[in-house]
Structures are given as structure tokens and as C-alpha cells.
Amino acid sequence: MIKYISLIIFLIGFISCGQKASFQDEVSSPNKKINLQFILTPKGELSYTVNYNNEIIIDTSYLSFDLKDQPALKNSFEIVKTYTKSFNETWQMPWGEQIDVKNNYNQLIIELQETKLPNRKLNLEFKIYDDGLGFRYVFPDQKNLKEIIITDENTEFNLTEDYKVWWIPGDWDIYEHLYSSTKLSEIDALKYVNHNNLAQTYIPENAVNTPVTMRSKNGLHLSFHEAVLVDYSGMTLKVDTKNLLLQSELVGSEITGYKVKRTTPFKTPWRTIQITEKATDLITSNLIVNLNEPNKLGDISWFKPMKYTGIWWEMHLGKSSWDMASGKHGATIKNAKDLINFSSKNNIGGILIEGWNTGWGKEEGGFDFITPYSDYNLQEV
């Protein structure tokens, strides 16, 4: 009997030694309500979870990239180094309703490298605030990855309940859709394909535009968006209604076949999740502005807010049109002069004139930012 027990213990030990243990690290918000756990699976996959008040609100969500002419950045990663730090400052807004902004977060940075050739490097950076979190991918300078062509960024947000969601479809062209309010499991963005009022609509997936906001049964509010969108494709969120999963769907070109082309080193935009117990706290949240880069313009006292009129809204109301083919062209010399006179008499400082240039009609063969329609004279106006 003792021999059998010894053999079982040996086999258990042998199996355990043959498995690669997963790695886990975590970071919490300054008030300890939000906790993020980073998990490196035994296969070397990257994933994370988010807890709020000790309840999981983002379950295991995976992070990876599909690349053109290269293997995906998906697994076989190992930890090179991790470190955390805390930051707390108050800075001043150059304009807006609030002057002093508190920027207080805890940060987790994870440096990763593939265990097999070509041994590419990728870092993850997490910042956790009291009102949410942001994370981004950092591609360091490296000899084995100079140019990177991203065909898909696979950032997941694995939700734990069927939230009530306020959403508009992931339209590459405009944000002017009316908002729908449905359960997450009922989102149908594809019903907006070939919408009659939208000349250039392109919705390739069941995706929603960010920011997309949702509320849980107990009143917790989440809002998904991004910050520091510089030299990178904008992000919509593809919706898996069956599994309650959101996944990044970058806006891309049908012509090139890829979403992003960059050379290392570079950083992606922040993927942000605002987390508040009241909807009004989303309005006062400074998470996005804190993650954005500081003002690079210097003195902006020359900014002068003003009212303006425009040949624009009347087109949405059907009074006039952007193109001439309808016979109701709005951006005419007469219409522009009438608005100039009206604005002058009423101390209105500016006029927006849209639709003066050729190319608005589908049959006109391409948008033109230089050539005016025949009933509009830029110099005269």
C-alpha cells in the first residue's frame, strides 16, 4: 500500500513539474474599489480581469494582435520584468469648466518577450484610477520587429452580465446616428447597413462606436472609449451578443487590407473603462483627459469661444442638400450672404458653410476640397 501511495505522489509531482505555472500580478485603484489582475496563462497568452468592490465585472479577457506577413502576437510570452508605482498630482486645465484636475492612479507595467523565435518584445501598461482604468500596448525598439502591419487588434472586454447599453453603430464615417437603448445581447448594428440617410455608411461588423455606455442591474455604470488616439486607427467594439463579449474592431481600409502600419518604437492609444456608481459621475470623470497628453500649444488665450450660424442643419432637416443633383442645393452665394447679414445684425461671430465643394453626390466621381459648385463663389462670399 505504501508503495502505491508513493507512486501516486511521484506521478502528481512529475505532472506538476511538467506544467508551466501561470503568472499573475495585480494593481488596485487608490481607493481600493477597482482591482485589475493580469494573468499570463500556461500557454503564454495575455489576459486580465477587473473587479469592482470584490465582484468581477470584466471576466478573463485576452489580448493579442494579428499581423500581416508575420505570426500573430498571441502566445508563447514570458515575463521579463514587472513593476508598479503610484502617482498623484494636480494640474490645471487650459480651458473648460474645471481648472484644477486631480491625477491620481496606481500603475502596473509588464515587460514581455516571446520564448521562441523571433523573440519579439511587447509591453503592457495599466493605470488604475478611482473612476476607472486605462491600458495600452507598448512596442519597444527591437531588432526583430522594426515594421509592424496590424491587420487586427484583439482586445477583449468579457462582461459578466447582460447590461443595458446606450449605443450607436460602428460606422466608420459619422457619429450622427440616433442612440439605441437595448440589452447587450440585443445589439444589432448591422441593421444600419445601407441606411437611406447616410451616403457613405460602412459597417462591416456588429460593432458599436465608442464611447459606449452601459448600466448593470445594480446601477453600476461602465463606459468604454480610448485616449491618445495618435497615428493609429480609431477603435469600434465588435459585439458578441451570445457570449456578452466586446472586442476591438479597428477602423481600416478595404483597399490596403490592414488597420495600422507603424515602425517601432510606438505606443497604441489607451483603452479606457470608466467605472462609476452614478451616471452623473461619468460626466465629471477626468479619466480621459488625465490619460491624454498634456497641452502642447502653450498659451491658448487667443481661443475665442463664439456662436455661429451655418448652412448645415437645414440639410439634415431636408430643407436643402449638400449636392446639386437634388435641386435643393444649400451652399449658394445667396444663402451664404443672407447668413452673413443675419449674423452681423445679431452679433454672431462665425458662419459654417458646408456643401460648397463638388463631390457630395454619389454620381460626381470623388470628393473635391478645392472646386466649388457653379452656384457658389468662394472669393465673393
Protein backbone atom coordinates (compact mmCIF):
# COMPACT_ATOMS: atom_id res chain seq x y z
CA MET A 1 0.00 0.00 0.00
CA ILE A 2 2.81 2.37 0.90
CA LYS A 3 4.42 1.68 -2.49
CA TYR A 4 1.18 2.62 -4.30
CA ILE A 5 0.85 5.87 -2.32
CA SER A 6 4.48 6.73 -3.06
CA LEU A 7 3.93 6.07 -6.76
CA ILE A 8 0.82 8.34 -6.85
CA ILE A 9 2.71 11.14 -5.08
CA PHE A 10 5.60 10.76 -7.53
CA LEU A 11 3.28 10.92 -10.56
CA ILE A 12 1.50 14.02 -9.23
CA GLY A 13 4.84 15.69 -8.65
CA PHE A 14 6.06 14.70 -12.11
CA ILE A 15 2.94 16.08 -13.82
CA SER A 16 3.17 19.32 -11.82
CA CYS A 17 6.80 19.79 -12.78
CA GLY A 18 5.91 19.25 -16.44
CA GLN A 19 3.39 22.11 -16.46
CA LYS A 20 4.35 25.73 -16.75
CA ALA A 21 2.72 27.72 -13.97
CA SER A 22 0.76 30.78 -14.96
CA PHE A 23 1.93 34.23 -13.82
CA GLN A 24 -0.33 36.71 -12.10
CA ASP A 25 0.06 40.28 -10.89
CA GLU A 26 -2.43 42.90 -9.80
CA VAL A 27 -2.95 46.57 -9.16
CA SER A 28 -5.77 48.44 -7.42
CA SER A 29 -7.18 51.95 -7.52
CA PRO A 30 -6.14 54.41 -4.80
CA ASN A 31 -9.48 53.89 -3.02
CA LYS A 32 -9.12 50.07 -3.39
CA LYS A 33 -12.55 49.67 -5.07
CA ILE A 34 -11.19 48.70 -8.50
CA ASN A 35 -8.77 45.81 -8.84
CA LEU A 36 -7.13 44.61 -12.06
CA GLN A 37 -5.40 41.26 -12.31
CA PHE A 38 -3.03 40.47 -15.16
CA ILE A 39 -2.71 36.78 -15.96
CA LEU A 40 -0.14 35.09 -18.18
CA THR A 41 -1.58 31.67 -19.00
CA PRO A 42 0.49 28.46 -19.15
CA LYS A 43 0.48 28.89 -22.96
CA GLY A 44 1.99 32.35 -22.62
CA GLU A 45 -1.26 34.15 -23.51
CA LEU A 46 -2.02 37.63 -22.17
CA SER A 47 -5.24 38.19 -20.23
CA TYR A 48 -6.74 40.30 -17.47
CA THR A 49 -9.77 40.58 -15.18
CA VAL A 50 -11.34 43.58 -13.41
CA ASN A 51 -13.11 43.55 -10.04
CA TYR A 52 -15.24 46.29 -8.51
CA ASN A 53 -15.97 46.02 -4.79
CA ASN A 54 -14.72 42.42 -4.91
CA GLU A 55 -17.12 41.44 -7.71
CA ILE A 56 -15.89 40.50 -11.20
CA ILE A 57 -17.17 42.98 -13.80
CA ILE A 58 -14.69 42.09 -16.56
CA ASP A 59 -14.01 38.36 -16.61
CA THR A 60 -10.97 36.74 -18.24
CA SER A 61 -10.27 38.81 -21.37
CA TYR A 62 -7.48 38.08 -23.83
CA LEU A 63 -5.11 40.48 -25.59
CA SER A 64 -3.38 39.81 -28.92
CA PHE A 65 -2.53 41.15 -32.39
CA ASP A 66 -2.87 39.68 -35.87
CA LEU A 67 -0.08 40.86 -38.17
CA LYS A 68 0.49 40.87 -41.91
CA ASP A 69 3.28 38.55 -43.11
CA GLN A 70 4.22 37.67 -39.52
CA PRO A 71 2.98 35.25 -36.86
CA ALA A 72 0.35 36.68 -34.54
CA LEU A 73 1.44 38.26 -31.26
CA LYS A 74 -0.75 35.95 -29.22
CA ASN A 75 1.08 33.40 -27.05
CA SER A 76 4.44 31.97 -26.03
CA PHE A 77 5.20 35.08 -23.96
CA GLU A 78 7.22 35.16 -20.77
CA ILE A 79 7.64 37.87 -18.17
CA VAL A 80 10.87 39.83 -18.41
CA LYS A 81 10.08 42.37 -15.72
CA THR A 82 7.13 43.90 -13.85
CA TYR A 83 6.94 46.96 -11.67
CA THR A 84 4.34 49.17 -10.05
CA LYS A 85 4.26 52.78 -8.99
CA SER A 86 1.84 55.36 -7.65
CA PHE A 87 1.29 58.87 -8.94
CA ASN A 88 -0.60 61.84 -7.53
CA GLU A 89 -0.62 65.37 -8.86
CA THR A 90 -2.95 68.30 -9.51
CA TRP A 91 -2.68 70.08 -12.85
CA GLN A 92 -4.57 72.93 -14.45
CA MET A 93 -6.83 72.75 -17.48
CA PRO A 94 -6.01 75.36 -20.15
CA TRP A 95 -9.77 75.84 -20.73
CA GLY A 96 -13.11 74.36 -19.73
CA GLU A 97 -15.44 74.27 -16.75
CA GLN A 98 -12.82 72.98 -14.32
CA ILE A 99 -9.39 74.46 -13.63
CA ASP A 100 -7.72 72.11 -11.12
CA VAL A 101 -7.66 68.42 -12.10
CA LYS A 102 -6.52 65.66 -9.76
CA ASN A 103 -4.45 62.96 -11.47
CA ASN A 104 -4.11 60.09 -9.00
CA TYR A 105 -3.51 56.50 -10.09
CA ASN A 106 -1.61 53.28 -9.43
CA GLN A 107 0.33 51.81 -12.33
CA LEU A 108 1.42 48.33 -13.37
CA ILE A 109 3.93 47.87 -16.20
CA ILE A 110 4.69 44.41 -17.59
CA GLU A 111 7.59 43.74 -19.97
CA LEU A 112 7.13 40.62 -22.11
CA GLN A 113 9.10 38.66 -24.68
CA GLU A 114 8.36 35.62 -26.81
CA THR A 115 10.08 32.42 -25.71
CA LYS A 116 10.58 31.28 -29.30
CA LEU A 117 11.84 32.95 -32.45
CA PRO A 118 11.69 35.71 -33.43
CA ASN A 119 11.59 36.59 -29.67
CA ARG A 120 9.58 39.77 -30.18
CA LYS A 121 9.01 42.16 -27.29
CA LEU A 122 5.74 43.71 -26.13
CA ASN A 123 4.95 45.70 -23.00
CA LEU A 124 1.64 46.35 -21.27
CA GLU A 125 0.92 49.45 -19.22
CA PHE A 126 -2.08 49.69 -16.85
CA LYS A 127 -3.22 52.79 -14.94
CA ILE A 128 -5.96 52.35 -12.33
CA TYR A 129 -7.92 55.38 -11.09
CA ASP A 130 -10.78 55.67 -8.62
CA ASP A 131 -13.18 56.21 -11.54
CA GLY A 132 -11.86 53.57 -13.93
CA LEU A 133 -8.77 52.39 -15.73
CA GLY A 134 -6.77 52.61 -18.92
CA PHE A 135 -4.30 50.24 -20.54
CA ARG A 136 -2.20 50.31 -23.69
CA TYR A 137 0.33 48.27 -25.63
CA VAL A 138 3.92 49.48 -25.90
CA PHE A 139 6.12 48.19 -28.74
CA PRO A 140 9.73 48.87 -27.69
CA ASP A 141 12.65 49.39 -30.04
CA GLN A 142 13.88 45.92 -31.06
CA LYS A 143 15.91 44.35 -33.83
CA ASN A 144 13.41 41.54 -34.56
CA LEU A 145 10.40 43.81 -35.04
CA LYS A 146 11.05 47.02 -36.94
CA GLU A 147 7.95 47.48 -39.09
CA ILE A 148 4.60 46.23 -37.86
CA ILE A 149 1.46 45.98 -40.01
CA ILE A 150 -1.58 45.26 -37.85
CA THR A 151 -4.50 43.51 -39.52
CA ASP A 152 -6.43 43.17 -36.24
CA GLU A 153 -6.03 44.23 -32.64
CA ASN A 154 -7.82 41.69 -30.46
CA THR A 155 -8.54 43.47 -27.19
CA GLU A 156 -11.36 41.80 -25.28
CA PHE A 157 -13.81 43.05 -22.67
CA ASN A 158 -15.61 39.97 -21.32
CA LEU A 159 -18.69 41.24 -19.50
CA THR A 160 -20.36 39.33 -16.69
CA GLU A 161 -23.98 40.35 -17.19
CA ASP A 162 -26.42 41.44 -19.89
CA TYR A 163 -26.04 45.19 -19.39
CA LYS A 164 -28.46 47.84 -20.59
CA VAL A 165 -26.47 49.65 -23.29
CA TRP A 166 -26.74 53.04 -24.99
CA TRP A 167 -25.14 52.62 -28.41
CA ILE A 168 -24.76 53.79 -31.99
CA PRO A 169 -23.48 51.52 -34.80
CA GLY A 170 -19.74 51.29 -35.52
CA ASP A 171 -19.99 53.49 -38.59
CA TRP A 172 -16.56 54.47 -39.96
CA ASP A 173 -17.91 57.72 -41.38
CA ILE A 174 -20.12 59.54 -38.86
CA TYR A 175 -21.29 59.69 -35.25
CA GLU A 176 -24.69 61.19 -36.17
CA HIS A 177 -26.86 58.12 -35.70
CA LEU A 178 -29.64 58.26 -33.12
CA TYR A 179 -28.75 56.30 -29.98
CA SER A 180 -30.44 52.97 -29.32
CA SER A 181 -31.04 51.57 -25.85
CA THR A 182 -31.10 47.77 -25.65
CA LYS A 183 -29.64 44.91 -23.71
CA LEU A 184 -26.11 43.95 -24.72
CA SER A 185 -27.47 40.67 -26.09
CA GLU A 186 -29.87 42.58 -28.38
CA ILE A 187 -27.42 44.92 -30.13
CA ASP A 188 -27.87 44.76 -33.91
CA ALA A 189 -25.62 47.34 -35.55
CA LEU A 190 -25.84 45.64 -38.94
CA LYS A 191 -29.43 46.79 -39.34
CA TYR A 192 -27.99 50.23 -40.15
CA VAL A 193 -26.14 48.98 -43.24
CA ASN A 194 -27.30 50.89 -46.35
CA HIS A 195 -29.25 53.33 -44.20
CA ASN A 196 -31.15 55.68 -46.51
CA ASN A 197 -29.95 58.88 -44.83
CA LEU A 198 -26.26 58.01 -44.88
CA ALA A 199 -24.45 58.19 -48.19
CA GLN A 200 -21.14 56.69 -47.06
CA THR A 201 -22.12 54.25 -44.31
CA TYR A 202 -19.78 51.26 -43.89
CA ILE A 203 -20.47 48.88 -41.01
CA PRO A 204 -18.58 45.62 -41.62
CA GLU A 205 -19.26 44.01 -38.23
CA ASN A 206 -21.88 44.01 -35.50
CA ALA A 207 -19.90 46.78 -33.82
CA VAL A 208 -20.65 49.94 -31.85
CA ASN A 209 -18.83 53.24 -31.77
CA THR A 210 -17.12 54.40 -28.62
CA PRO A 211 -17.80 55.83 -26.17
CA VAL A 212 -20.37 53.14 -25.46
CA THR A 213 -22.05 53.32 -22.08
CA MET A 214 -23.90 50.65 -20.11
CA ARG A 215 -25.60 50.14 -16.76
CA SER A 216 -25.78 46.97 -14.66
CA LYS A 217 -28.81 45.70 -12.77
CA ASN A 218 -27.47 47.15 -9.53
CA GLY A 219 -26.76 50.56 -11.08
CA LEU A 220 -23.04 50.33 -11.84
CA HIS A 221 -22.11 52.31 -14.96
CA LEU A 222 -19.35 51.39 -17.43
CA SER A 223 -18.21 53.46 -20.39
CA PHE A 224 -15.67 52.15 -22.93
CA HIS A 225 -13.57 54.53 -25.00
CA GLU A 226 -9.95 55.42 -25.86
CA ALA A 227 -7.40 58.17 -25.23
CA VAL A 228 -4.34 59.49 -27.10
CA LEU A 229 -5.60 58.39 -30.50
CA VAL A 230 -2.48 59.48 -32.43
CA ASP A 231 -1.09 57.76 -35.57
CA TYR A 232 -3.37 54.78 -35.08
CA SER A 233 -6.79 53.58 -36.28
CA GLY A 234 -9.86 54.50 -34.30
CA MET A 235 -11.48 51.71 -32.32
CA THR A 236 -15.03 50.43 -32.58
CA LEU A 237 -16.17 47.50 -30.43
CA LYS A 238 -17.43 44.31 -32.05
CA VAL A 239 -20.28 42.77 -30.07
CA ASP A 240 -20.65 39.03 -29.44
CA THR A 241 -24.27 39.06 -28.23
CA LYS A 242 -24.27 35.38 -27.27
CA ASN A 243 -21.19 35.47 -25.04
CA LEU A 244 -21.58 39.11 -23.87
CA LEU A 245 -18.13 39.91 -25.22
CA LEU A 246 -16.79 43.15 -26.68
CA GLN A 247 -13.70 43.03 -28.89
CA SER A 248 -11.78 45.85 -30.52
CA GLU A 249 -12.54 46.31 -34.21
CA LEU A 250 -10.17 48.88 -35.65
CA VAL A 251 -11.36 51.11 -38.45
CA GLY A 252 -9.46 50.12 -41.60
CA SER A 253 -9.24 50.48 -45.32
CA GLU A 254 -10.84 47.99 -47.67
CA ILE A 255 -8.05 48.86 -50.13
CA THR A 256 -4.92 48.23 -48.02
CA GLY A 257 -6.23 45.21 -46.14
CA TYR A 258 -4.70 46.29 -42.84
CA LYS A 259 -5.57 48.61 -39.97
CA VAL A 260 -2.28 50.11 -38.75
CA LYS A 261 1.24 50.46 -40.17
CA ARG A 262 3.93 51.67 -37.77
CA THR A 263 7.62 51.31 -37.03
CA THR A 264 8.88 50.53 -33.56
CA PRO A 265 9.08 52.02 -31.03
CA PHE A 266 5.49 53.20 -30.61
CA LYS A 267 2.54 53.09 -28.22
CA THR A 268 -1.09 52.34 -29.00
CA PRO A 269 -3.91 54.53 -27.73
CA TRP A 270 -5.19 53.86 -24.22
CA ARG A 271 -8.16 51.51 -24.00
CA THR A 272 -10.32 53.05 -21.28
CA ILE A 273 -13.09 51.83 -18.97
CA GLN A 274 -14.82 54.42 -16.80
CA ILE A 275 -16.50 52.79 -13.80
CA THR A 276 -18.91 54.80 -11.64
CA GLU A 277 -21.88 54.10 -9.40
CA LYS A 278 -23.86 57.07 -10.77
CA ALA A 279 -24.34 58.19 -14.37
CA THR A 280 -23.58 61.78 -13.41
CA ASP A 281 -20.11 60.73 -12.23
CA LEU A 282 -19.27 59.77 -15.83
CA ILE A 283 -19.75 63.42 -16.78
CA THR A 284 -17.40 64.70 -14.08
CA SER A 285 -14.81 61.94 -14.61
CA ASN A 286 -11.38 63.20 -15.70
CA LEU A 287 -10.00 59.77 -16.62
CA ILE A 288 -9.82 60.51 -20.35
CA VAL A 289 -8.17 63.92 -20.02
CA ASN A 290 -5.73 62.56 -17.46
CA LEU A 291 -4.64 59.84 -19.87
CA ASN A 292 -4.38 62.24 -22.80
CA GLU A 293 -1.13 64.05 -23.45
CA PRO A 294 -0.53 67.48 -21.87
CA ASN A 295 -1.30 70.65 -23.80
CA LYS A 296 1.41 71.24 -26.41
CA LEU A 297 0.04 74.56 -27.69
CA GLY A 298 1.30 76.66 -24.78
CA ASP A 299 -0.66 79.89 -24.37
CA ILE A 300 -4.19 79.42 -25.72
CA SER A 301 -5.62 82.77 -24.63
CA TRP A 302 -6.25 83.52 -28.30
CA PHE A 303 -9.02 80.90 -28.32
CA LYS A 304 -12.27 82.88 -28.52
CA PRO A 305 -15.49 80.89 -27.97
CA MET A 306 -18.38 82.18 -30.09
CA LYS A 307 -21.76 81.39 -31.56
CA TYR A 308 -22.09 80.65 -35.25
CA THR A 309 -24.75 80.10 -37.87
CA GLY A 310 -24.46 77.65 -40.71
CA ILE A 311 -25.64 76.07 -43.91
CA TRP A 312 -25.64 72.67 -42.34
CA TRP A 313 -28.55 71.82 -40.07
CA GLU A 314 -31.08 72.72 -42.75
CA MET A 315 -29.70 69.85 -44.80
CA HIS A 316 -30.46 67.39 -42.01
CA LEU A 317 -33.98 68.82 -41.83
CA GLY A 318 -34.46 68.27 -45.57
CA LYS A 319 -34.79 71.97 -46.42
CA SER A 320 -31.70 71.80 -48.63
CA SER A 321 -28.98 69.33 -49.67
CA TRP A 322 -25.19 69.11 -49.85
CA ASP A 323 -25.16 68.23 -53.56
CA MET A 324 -26.79 69.94 -56.55
CA ALA A 325 -28.47 66.88 -58.07
CA SER A 326 -31.49 67.17 -55.78
CA GLY A 327 -32.28 70.68 -56.98
CA LYS A 328 -32.19 71.95 -53.38
CA HIS A 329 -28.51 72.87 -53.04
CA GLY A 330 -27.94 74.78 -49.81
CA ALA A 331 -24.45 76.28 -50.14
CA THR A 332 -25.31 79.02 -52.65
CA ILE A 333 -23.93 82.56 -52.87
CA LYS A 334 -27.34 84.00 -51.91
CA ASN A 335 -27.82 81.71 -48.90
CA ALA A 336 -24.31 82.47 -47.67
CA LYS A 337 -24.79 86.25 -47.99
CA ASP A 338 -28.13 86.11 -46.19
CA LEU A 339 -26.46 84.34 -43.27
CA ILE A 340 -23.62 86.88 -43.23
CA ASN A 341 -26.13 89.72 -42.95
CA PHE A 342 -28.16 87.93 -40.28
CA SER A 343 -25.06 87.09 -38.22
CA SER A 344 -23.74 90.64 -38.47
CA LYS A 345 -27.01 92.13 -37.22
CA ASN A 346 -27.20 89.68 -34.30
CA ASN A 347 -23.56 89.81 -33.17
CA ILE A 348 -22.84 86.22 -34.18
CA GLY A 349 -19.14 85.74 -34.87
CA GLY A 350 -18.91 82.92 -37.40
CA ILE A 351 -20.59 81.02 -40.22
CA LEU A 352 -20.21 77.36 -41.13
CA ILE A 353 -20.82 76.66 -44.80
CA GLU A 354 -20.87 73.01 -45.80
CA GLY A 355 -21.53 71.55 -49.22
CA TRP A 356 -19.96 74.33 -51.31
CA ASN A 357 -17.41 72.00 -52.92
CA THR A 358 -18.07 69.42 -55.61
CA GLY A 359 -18.19 65.69 -54.98
CA TRP A 360 -21.04 65.37 -52.48
CA GLY A 361 -23.22 63.41 -54.89
CA LYS A 362 -22.60 59.70 -55.48
CA GLU A 363 -22.54 60.21 -59.24
CA GLU A 364 -19.93 63.00 -59.16
CA GLY A 365 -16.84 60.81 -59.05
CA GLY A 366 -14.98 61.73 -55.88
CA PHE A 367 -14.85 64.36 -53.16
CA ASP A 368 -13.14 67.64 -54.09
CA PHE A 369 -11.90 70.08 -51.46
CA ILE A 370 -10.93 72.75 -53.99
CA THR A 371 -13.53 73.14 -56.73
CA PRO A 372 -16.80 74.95 -55.80
CA TYR A 373 -20.19 74.18 -57.27
CA SER A 374 -21.31 76.51 -60.06
CA ASP A 375 -23.74 78.39 -57.77
CA TYR A 376 -21.08 79.21 -55.18
CA ASN A 377 -18.11 81.58 -55.41
CA LEU A 378 -15.63 81.26 -52.56
CA GLN A 379 -13.89 84.58 -53.23
CA GLU A 380 -17.12 86.54 -53.50
CA VAL A 381 -18.51 85.11 -50.27
